[in-house]
């Protein structure tokens, strides 16, 4: 079960990063995008 949760969290983070990169409209929390980018790298 924990694996599924981790997978979902990872997917959500990836989607958030992509949305933040493509949609500058979602600029209320750039810190999250930064953290996602660092984790991805």
C-alpha atoms as a PDB file:
ATOM      1  CA  UNK A   1       0.000   0.000   0.000  1.00  0.00           C
ATOM      2  CA  UNK A   2       2.810   2.414   0.892  1.00  0.00           C
ATOM      3  CA  UNK A   3       4.380   1.774  -2.505  1.00  0.00           C
ATOM      4  CA  UNK A   4       1.159   2.845  -4.212  1.00  0.00           C
ATOM      5  CA  UNK A   5       1.009   6.012  -2.126  1.00  0.00           C
ATOM      6  CA  UNK A   6       4.620   6.811  -2.981  1.00  0.00           C
ATOM      7  CA  UNK A   7       3.916   6.216  -6.683  1.00  0.00           C
ATOM      8  CA  UNK A   8       0.881   8.495  -6.570  1.00  0.00           C
ATOM      9  CA  UNK A   9       2.854  11.195  -4.760  1.00  0.00           C
ATOM     10  CA  UNK A  10       5.635  10.940  -7.341  1.00  0.00           C
ATOM     11  CA  UNK A  11       3.136  11.166 -10.174  1.00  0.00           C
ATOM     12  CA  UNK A  12       1.462  14.192  -8.609  1.00  0.00           C
ATOM     13  CA  UNK A  13       4.831  15.886  -8.123  1.00  0.00           C
ATOM     14  CA  UNK A  14       5.751  15.205 -11.756  1.00  0.00           C
ATOM     15  CA  UNK A  15       2.404  16.548 -12.964  1.00  0.00           C
ATOM     16  CA  UNK A  16       2.788  19.630 -10.765  1.00  0.00           C
ATOM     17  CA  UNK A  17       6.286  20.219 -12.136  1.00  0.00           C
ATOM     18  CA  UNK A  18       5.087  19.855 -15.734  1.00  0.00           C
ATOM     19  CA  UNK A  19       2.097  22.119 -15.130  1.00  0.00           C
ATOM     20  CA  UNK A  20       4.291  24.708 -13.438  1.00  0.00           C
ATOM     21  CA  UNK A  21       6.743  24.567 -16.340  1.00  0.00           C
ATOM     22  CA  UNK A  22       4.047  24.808 -19.021  1.00  0.00           C
ATOM     23  CA  UNK A  23       1.542  27.013 -17.169  1.00  0.00           C
ATOM     24  CA  UNK A  24       3.103  30.132 -15.636  1.00  0.00           C
ATOM     25  CA  UNK A  25      -0.415  30.950 -14.391  1.00  0.00           C
ATOM     26  CA  UNK A  26       0.167  28.514 -11.511  1.00  0.00           C
ATOM     27  CA  UNK A  27       2.847  30.686  -9.913  1.00  0.00           C
ATOM     28  CA  UNK A  28       1.538  30.927  -6.347  1.00  0.00           C
ATOM     29  CA  UNK A  29       4.093  28.394  -5.052  1.00  0.00           C
ATOM     30  CA  UNK A  30       7.311  28.214  -7.106  1.00  0.00           C
ATOM     31  CA  UNK A  31       9.064  26.608  -4.125  1.00  0.00           C
ATOM     32  CA  UNK A  32       7.224  23.342  -4.794  1.00  0.00           C
ATOM     33  CA  UNK A  33       8.390  23.313  -8.411  1.00  0.00           C
ATOM     34  CA  UNK A  34      11.952  23.929  -7.263  1.00  0.00           C
ATOM     35  CA  UNK A  35      11.803  21.030  -4.817  1.00  0.00           C
ATOM     36  CA  UNK A  36      10.289  18.785  -7.494  1.00  0.00           C
ATOM     37  CA  UNK A  37      13.031  19.718  -9.959  1.00  0.00           C
ATOM     38  CA  UNK A  38      15.754  18.999  -7.413  1.00  0.00           C
ATOM     39  CA  UNK A  39      14.226  15.638  -6.533  1.00  0.00           C
ATOM     40  CA  UNK A  40      13.843  14.701 -10.203  1.00  0.00           C
ATOM     41  CA  UNK A  41      17.467  15.488 -10.975  1.00  0.00           C
END
